């Protein structure tokens, strides 16, 4: 397979991952155990892992596509003008909506993310 086709498939994978993570996070972020927002923490960790993976596999463009797809999906499934759609207008809903976009944006603007740098950091622990 040509290199351009591989890159295009990886970018498409980044977009699909952004869509999937946002929808799964919408379902999970309201889960609480004894008042602790377990679903929000789990969804945020999965989002961060997928965003970093998109950045490593496809570079900054893949991370931008991931973040843009995530933000667009949050916009479409988020709040309506006078009623909720899929994300409730409560504290956890707002944290998920704005926090997930913020985390994806941080991964995009981070100076350098490479597989070798991450491997060195993890090995040093």
Protein backbone atom coordinates (compact mmCIF):
# COMPACT_ATOMS: atom_id res chain seq x y z
CA UNK A 1 0.00 0.00 0.00
CA UNK A 2 1.40 3.43 -0.89
CA UNK A 3 2.51 5.76 1.89
CA UNK A 4 -0.16 8.34 1.04
CA UNK A 5 -2.91 5.74 1.35
CA UNK A 6 -1.56 4.62 4.73
CA UNK A 7 -1.45 8.22 5.94
CA UNK A 8 -5.01 8.82 4.70
CA UNK A 9 -6.26 5.70 6.47
CA UNK A 10 -4.54 6.77 9.69
CA UNK A 11 -6.13 10.22 9.45
CA UNK A 12 -9.52 8.61 8.85
CA UNK A 13 -8.85 6.40 11.87
CA UNK A 14 -8.15 9.51 13.95
CA UNK A 15 -11.47 11.01 12.92
CA UNK A 16 -13.36 7.79 13.68
CA UNK A 17 -11.56 7.49 17.03
CA UNK A 18 -12.65 11.02 17.94
CA UNK A 19 -16.23 10.17 17.09
CA UNK A 20 -16.16 6.87 18.98
CA UNK A 21 -14.47 8.30 22.10
CA UNK A 22 -16.93 11.17 22.31
CA UNK A 23 -19.99 8.93 22.02
CA UNK A 24 -18.58 6.40 24.52
CA UNK A 25 -17.66 9.25 26.86
CA UNK A 26 -21.19 10.65 26.60
CA UNK A 27 -22.53 7.34 27.83
CA UNK A 28 -19.92 6.84 30.56
CA UNK A 29 -19.27 10.31 31.99
CA UNK A 30 -22.38 10.37 34.21
CA UNK A 31 -21.49 7.13 36.03
CA UNK A 32 -20.85 7.67 39.73
CA UNK A 33 -19.91 5.27 42.51
CA UNK A 34 -20.67 6.61 46.00
CA UNK A 35 -20.62 10.14 44.60
CA UNK A 36 -17.21 9.76 42.91
CA UNK A 37 -17.25 10.54 39.16
CA UNK A 38 -15.74 7.22 38.07
CA UNK A 39 -17.18 7.43 34.57
CA UNK A 40 -15.79 10.91 33.97
CA UNK A 41 -12.31 9.88 35.11
CA UNK A 42 -12.38 6.71 33.01
CA UNK A 43 -13.70 8.49 29.91
CA UNK A 44 -11.10 11.25 30.31
CA UNK A 45 -8.25 8.77 30.62
CA UNK A 46 -9.38 6.87 27.53
CA UNK A 47 -9.74 10.14 25.62
CA UNK A 48 -6.23 11.23 26.60
CA UNK A 49 -4.75 7.87 25.59
CA UNK A 50 -6.46 7.94 22.19
CA UNK A 51 -5.46 11.58 21.58
CA UNK A 52 -1.81 10.83 22.35
CA UNK A 53 -1.93 7.74 20.15
CA UNK A 54 -3.41 9.78 17.29
CA UNK A 55 -0.61 12.33 17.72
CA UNK A 56 2.09 9.64 17.73
CA UNK A 57 0.71 7.71 14.74
CA UNK A 58 -0.25 10.59 12.45
CA UNK A 59 1.54 13.65 13.79
CA UNK A 60 -0.01 16.98 14.58
CA UNK A 61 -2.52 16.76 11.72
CA UNK A 62 -4.00 13.54 13.10
CA UNK A 63 -4.32 15.07 16.56
CA UNK A 64 -6.03 18.13 15.06
CA UNK A 65 -8.47 15.92 13.16
CA UNK A 66 -9.13 13.89 16.34
CA UNK A 67 -9.79 17.07 18.36
CA UNK A 68 -11.95 18.64 15.64
CA UNK A 69 -14.07 15.51 15.27
CA UNK A 70 -14.40 15.29 19.05
CA UNK A 71 -15.45 18.95 19.33
CA UNK A 72 -17.92 18.70 16.43
CA UNK A 73 -19.52 15.59 17.90
CA UNK A 74 -19.81 17.25 21.30
CA UNK A 75 -21.44 20.24 19.62
CA UNK A 76 -23.94 18.03 17.78
CA UNK A 77 -24.79 15.86 20.77
CA UNK A 78 -24.52 18.62 23.36
CA UNK A 79 -26.94 21.18 24.57
CA UNK A 80 -29.87 22.39 22.48
CA UNK A 81 -31.26 25.91 22.74
CA UNK A 82 -33.86 25.09 25.38
CA UNK A 83 -33.38 21.42 26.30
CA UNK A 84 -30.69 18.80 26.69
CA UNK A 85 -29.89 16.43 23.89
CA UNK A 86 -27.37 13.82 25.03
CA UNK A 87 -25.12 15.67 27.48
CA UNK A 88 -27.01 16.81 30.59
CA UNK A 89 -26.59 20.43 31.66
CA UNK A 90 -25.02 19.59 35.01
CA UNK A 91 -21.53 19.79 36.48
CA UNK A 92 -20.36 16.45 35.06
CA UNK A 93 -21.79 17.30 31.64
CA UNK A 94 -19.95 20.61 31.50
CA UNK A 95 -16.72 19.04 32.76
CA UNK A 96 -16.96 16.37 30.06
CA UNK A 97 -17.86 18.83 27.30
CA UNK A 98 -15.22 21.45 27.94
CA UNK A 99 -12.63 19.24 29.63
CA UNK A 100 -12.46 16.72 26.81
CA UNK A 101 -11.99 19.43 24.20
CA UNK A 102 -9.35 21.03 26.43
CA UNK A 103 -7.44 17.77 26.86
CA UNK A 104 -7.47 17.10 23.12
CA UNK A 105 -6.29 20.68 22.48
CA UNK A 106 -3.41 20.24 24.95
CA UNK A 107 -2.28 17.13 23.07
CA UNK A 108 -2.40 19.12 19.82
CA UNK A 109 -0.34 22.06 21.11
CA UNK A 110 2.15 20.00 23.13
CA UNK A 111 5.65 20.65 21.71
CA UNK A 112 6.75 17.11 20.81
CA UNK A 113 5.22 13.70 21.30
CA UNK A 114 7.15 10.74 19.99
CA UNK A 115 7.09 7.05 20.69
CA UNK A 116 10.76 6.96 21.67
CA UNK A 117 10.38 9.86 24.14
CA UNK A 118 7.43 8.16 25.81
CA UNK A 119 9.28 4.85 25.96
CA UNK A 120 12.28 6.52 27.61
CA UNK A 121 10.07 8.26 30.19
CA UNK A 122 8.19 5.08 31.07
CA UNK A 123 11.41 3.05 31.29
CA UNK A 124 12.92 5.54 33.72
CA UNK A 125 10.21 4.84 36.33
